[in-house]
């Protein structure tokens, strides 16, 4: 799958049933081999304004499914990826 095919997909946490963002609004963490290791999603409020400086870092291993419209992630309830 190409990066351009991922752009615009909504990122949804399956356990919390919560929309975290859209992939076009996130950063990717890429290792020295060019592999994506994590999605970094900014915390946003209404109208795209930043709520605070926090970000959510979602390791690539927590992505469960990439569909036509969204990316489903699974973060354990006791885990926190806020930076």
N, C-alpha and C. Protein backbone atom coordinates (compact mmCIF):
# COMPACT_ATOMS: atom_id res chain seq x y z
N UNK A 1 0.85 -1.17 0.00
CA UNK A 1 0.00 0.00 0.00
C UNK A 1 0.90 1.24 0.00
N UNK A 2 0.51 2.22 -0.78
CA UNK A 2 1.26 3.47 -0.86
C UNK A 2 0.77 4.46 0.18
N UNK A 3 1.66 5.36 0.56
CA UNK A 3 1.30 6.39 1.54
C UNK A 3 0.13 7.23 1.05
N UNK A 4 0.08 7.52 -0.25
CA UNK A 4 -1.01 8.32 -0.80
C UNK A 4 -2.36 7.62 -0.62
N UNK A 5 -2.38 6.29 -0.56
CA UNK A 5 -3.62 5.55 -0.35
C UNK A 5 -4.09 5.64 1.10
N UNK A 6 -3.18 5.92 2.03
CA UNK A 6 -3.54 6.05 3.44
C UNK A 6 -4.10 7.43 3.76
N UNK A 7 -3.71 8.42 2.99
CA UNK A 7 -4.10 9.80 3.27
C UNK A 7 -5.61 9.97 3.26
N UNK A 8 -6.12 10.69 4.25
CA UNK A 8 -7.55 10.99 4.33
C UNK A 8 -8.36 9.96 5.10
N UNK A 9 -7.75 8.87 5.51
CA UNK A 9 -8.49 7.86 6.26
C UNK A 9 -8.63 8.28 7.72
N UNK A 10 -9.80 8.03 8.30
CA UNK A 10 -10.03 8.33 9.70
C UNK A 10 -9.35 7.27 10.55
N UNK A 11 -8.81 7.69 11.69
CA UNK A 11 -8.18 6.77 12.63
C UNK A 11 -9.14 6.59 13.80
N UNK A 12 -9.56 5.35 14.05
CA UNK A 12 -10.57 5.05 15.05
C UNK A 12 -10.02 4.02 16.04
N UNK A 13 -10.16 4.32 17.33
CA UNK A 13 -9.78 3.39 18.39
C UNK A 13 -10.97 2.47 18.65
N UNK A 14 -10.80 1.19 18.40
CA UNK A 14 -11.90 0.23 18.49
C UNK A 14 -12.39 0.03 19.93
N UNK A 15 -11.50 0.06 20.91
CA UNK A 15 -11.90 -0.17 22.31
C UNK A 15 -12.67 1.01 22.88
N UNK A 16 -12.24 2.21 22.56
CA UNK A 16 -12.90 3.41 23.10
C UNK A 16 -14.00 3.94 22.18
N UNK A 17 -14.12 3.35 20.98
CA UNK A 17 -15.09 3.81 19.98
C UNK A 17 -14.94 5.31 19.79
N UNK A 18 -13.69 5.72 19.54
CA UNK A 18 -13.36 7.14 19.50
C UNK A 18 -12.57 7.46 18.23
N UNK A 19 -12.94 8.55 17.59
CA UNK A 19 -12.22 9.03 16.42
C UNK A 19 -11.03 9.83 16.90
N UNK A 20 -9.82 9.44 16.47
CA UNK A 20 -8.61 10.13 16.93
C UNK A 20 -8.12 11.18 15.96
N UNK A 21 -8.48 11.07 14.71
CA UNK A 21 -8.02 12.04 13.72
C UNK A 21 -8.09 11.48 12.32
N UNK A 22 -7.54 12.23 11.40
CA UNK A 22 -7.49 11.83 9.99
C UNK A 22 -6.03 11.74 9.61
N UNK A 23 -5.67 10.75 8.83
CA UNK A 23 -4.27 10.51 8.55
C UNK A 23 -3.58 11.68 7.87
N UNK A 24 -4.24 12.49 7.13
CA UNK A 24 -3.62 13.66 6.53
C UNK A 24 -3.20 14.70 7.57
N UNK A 25 -3.75 14.59 8.79
CA UNK A 25 -3.45 15.54 9.86
C UNK A 25 -2.48 14.97 10.88
N UNK A 26 -1.87 13.83 10.58
CA UNK A 26 -0.96 13.19 11.52
C UNK A 26 0.45 13.18 10.96
N UNK A 27 1.39 12.90 11.83
CA UNK A 27 2.78 12.70 11.42
C UNK A 27 3.07 11.21 11.48
N UNK A 28 4.03 10.80 10.71
CA UNK A 28 4.47 9.41 10.73
C UNK A 28 5.86 9.35 11.34
N UNK A 29 6.11 8.35 12.16
CA UNK A 29 7.44 8.10 12.68
C UNK A 29 8.02 6.98 11.82
N UNK A 30 9.14 7.27 11.17
CA UNK A 30 9.73 6.32 10.21
C UNK A 30 11.14 5.99 10.67
N UNK A 31 11.48 4.69 10.65
CA UNK A 31 12.83 4.29 11.07
C UNK A 31 13.82 4.46 9.93
N UNK A 32 15.07 4.12 10.19
CA UNK A 32 16.14 4.32 9.21
C UNK A 32 16.00 3.41 7.98
N UNK A 33 15.18 2.37 8.07
CA UNK A 33 14.94 1.47 6.93
C UNK A 33 13.77 1.94 6.07
N UNK A 34 13.08 3.00 6.51
CA UNK A 34 11.94 3.51 5.77
C UNK A 34 10.62 2.89 6.16
N UNK A 35 10.61 2.12 7.25
CA UNK A 35 9.38 1.49 7.74
C UNK A 35 8.66 2.43 8.69
N UNK A 36 7.34 2.48 8.59
CA UNK A 36 6.55 3.29 9.51
C UNK A 36 6.52 2.57 10.85
N UNK A 37 6.92 3.25 11.92
CA UNK A 37 6.91 2.64 13.25
C UNK A 37 5.75 3.14 14.11
N UNK A 38 5.24 4.34 13.82
CA UNK A 38 4.14 4.88 14.63
C UNK A 38 3.44 6.01 13.90
N UNK A 39 2.19 6.24 14.29
CA UNK A 39 1.43 7.41 13.87
C UNK A 39 1.44 8.38 15.04
N UNK A 40 1.67 9.65 14.79
CA UNK A 40 1.63 10.66 15.84
C UNK A 40 0.47 11.59 15.52
N UNK A 41 -0.53 11.55 16.38
CA UNK A 41 -1.79 12.24 16.13
C UNK A 41 -1.89 13.42 17.09
N UNK A 42 -1.99 14.65 16.57
CA UNK A 42 -2.12 15.81 17.46
C UNK A 42 -3.49 15.82 18.12
N UNK A 43 -3.55 16.30 19.36
CA UNK A 43 -4.83 16.50 20.04
C UNK A 43 -5.45 17.76 19.48
N UNK A 44 -6.68 17.65 18.99
CA UNK A 44 -7.35 18.81 18.40
C UNK A 44 -8.69 19.05 19.07
N UNK A 45 -9.16 20.25 18.93
CA UNK A 45 -10.44 20.65 19.48
C UNK A 45 -11.33 21.03 18.30
N UNK A 46 -12.36 21.76 18.52
CA UNK A 46 -13.26 22.20 17.46
C UNK A 46 -12.52 23.02 16.41
N UNK A 47 -12.89 22.88 15.18
CA UNK A 47 -12.39 23.64 14.05
C UNK A 47 -10.89 23.46 13.83
N UNK A 48 -10.35 22.34 14.32
CA UNK A 48 -8.95 22.04 14.09
C UNK A 48 -7.97 22.81 14.96
N UNK A 49 -8.46 23.56 15.94
CA UNK A 49 -7.56 24.29 16.83
C UNK A 49 -6.99 23.35 17.88
N UNK A 50 -5.76 23.55 18.25
CA UNK A 50 -5.13 22.68 19.24
C UNK A 50 -5.75 22.86 20.61
N UNK A 51 -6.10 21.75 21.22
CA UNK A 51 -6.63 21.76 22.58
C UNK A 51 -5.49 22.01 23.56
N UNK A 52 -4.40 21.32 23.36
CA UNK A 52 -3.20 21.49 24.17
C UNK A 52 -2.03 20.91 23.38
N UNK A 53 -0.86 20.89 23.94
CA UNK A 53 0.32 20.43 23.22
C UNK A 53 0.49 18.93 23.17
N UNK A 54 -0.47 18.18 23.69
CA UNK A 54 -0.34 16.73 23.74
C UNK A 54 -0.52 16.09 22.38
N UNK A 55 0.13 14.96 22.21
CA UNK A 55 -0.03 14.16 21.01
C UNK A 55 -0.25 12.72 21.45
N UNK A 56 -0.86 11.95 20.58
CA UNK A 56 -1.03 10.54 20.83
C UNK A 56 -0.12 9.80 19.86
N UNK A 57 0.76 8.96 20.40
CA UNK A 57 1.66 8.16 19.59
C UNK A 57 1.12 6.74 19.55
N UNK A 58 0.77 6.28 18.34
CA UNK A 58 0.20 4.94 18.17
C UNK A 58 1.21 4.08 17.43
N UNK A 59 1.81 3.10 18.10
CA UNK A 59 2.75 2.21 17.41
C UNK A 59 2.05 1.46 16.27
N UNK A 60 2.78 1.23 15.21
CA UNK A 60 2.24 0.55 14.03
C UNK A 60 1.69 -0.82 14.39
N UNK A 61 2.25 -1.47 15.40
CA UNK A 61 1.79 -2.81 15.80
C UNK A 61 0.36 -2.80 16.36
N UNK A 62 -0.15 -1.62 16.71
CA UNK A 62 -1.51 -1.52 17.25
C UNK A 62 -2.56 -1.29 16.17
N UNK A 63 -2.14 -1.19 14.93
CA UNK A 63 -3.10 -1.06 13.83
C UNK A 63 -3.64 -2.45 13.52
N UNK A 64 -4.96 -2.59 13.57
CA UNK A 64 -5.59 -3.89 13.35
C UNK A 64 -6.12 -4.05 11.94
N UNK A 65 -6.62 -2.98 11.33
CA UNK A 65 -7.22 -3.10 10.01
C UNK A 65 -7.16 -1.76 9.30
N UNK A 66 -6.80 -1.78 8.03
CA UNK A 66 -6.85 -0.59 7.20
C UNK A 66 -7.91 -0.85 6.14
N UNK A 67 -9.00 -0.10 6.24
CA UNK A 67 -10.11 -0.28 5.32
C UNK A 67 -10.14 0.81 4.27
N UNK A 68 -11.23 0.86 3.52
CA UNK A 68 -11.38 1.85 2.45
C UNK A 68 -11.48 3.27 3.00
N UNK A 69 -12.11 3.43 4.18
CA UNK A 69 -12.35 4.76 4.73
C UNK A 69 -11.66 5.03 6.05
N UNK A 70 -11.24 3.99 6.76
CA UNK A 70 -10.67 4.22 8.08
C UNK A 70 -9.60 3.21 8.44
N UNK A 71 -8.85 3.59 9.48
CA UNK A 71 -7.82 2.74 10.05
C UNK A 71 -8.27 2.41 11.47
N UNK A 72 -8.41 1.13 11.77
CA UNK A 72 -8.86 0.69 13.09
C UNK A 72 -7.62 0.36 13.93
N UNK A 73 -7.53 0.98 15.10
CA UNK A 73 -6.42 0.69 16.00
C UNK A 73 -6.97 0.08 17.28
N UNK A 74 -6.12 -0.65 17.97
CA UNK A 74 -6.51 -1.32 19.20
C UNK A 74 -5.46 -1.01 20.27
N UNK A 75 -5.80 -0.10 21.17
CA UNK A 75 -4.92 0.27 22.27
C UNK A 75 -5.53 -0.29 23.54
N UNK A 76 -4.75 -1.06 24.28
CA UNK A 76 -5.25 -1.61 25.54
C UNK A 76 -5.64 -0.47 26.47
N UNK A 77 -6.69 -0.69 27.24
CA UNK A 77 -7.22 0.38 28.09
C UNK A 77 -6.24 0.84 29.15
N UNK A 78 -5.31 -0.02 29.56
CA UNK A 78 -4.35 0.37 30.58
C UNK A 78 -3.09 0.99 29.98
N UNK A 79 -3.01 1.07 28.64
CA UNK A 79 -1.87 1.68 27.98
C UNK A 79 -2.19 3.11 27.61
N UNK A 80 -1.18 3.95 27.67
CA UNK A 80 -1.32 5.33 27.26
C UNK A 80 -0.13 5.69 26.38
N UNK A 81 -0.40 6.30 25.24
CA UNK A 81 0.66 6.66 24.33
C UNK A 81 0.81 8.16 24.23
N UNK A 82 0.25 8.91 25.16
CA UNK A 82 0.38 10.37 25.14
C UNK A 82 1.82 10.75 25.41
N UNK A 83 2.31 11.73 24.65
CA UNK A 83 3.67 12.22 24.84
C UNK A 83 3.63 13.53 25.56
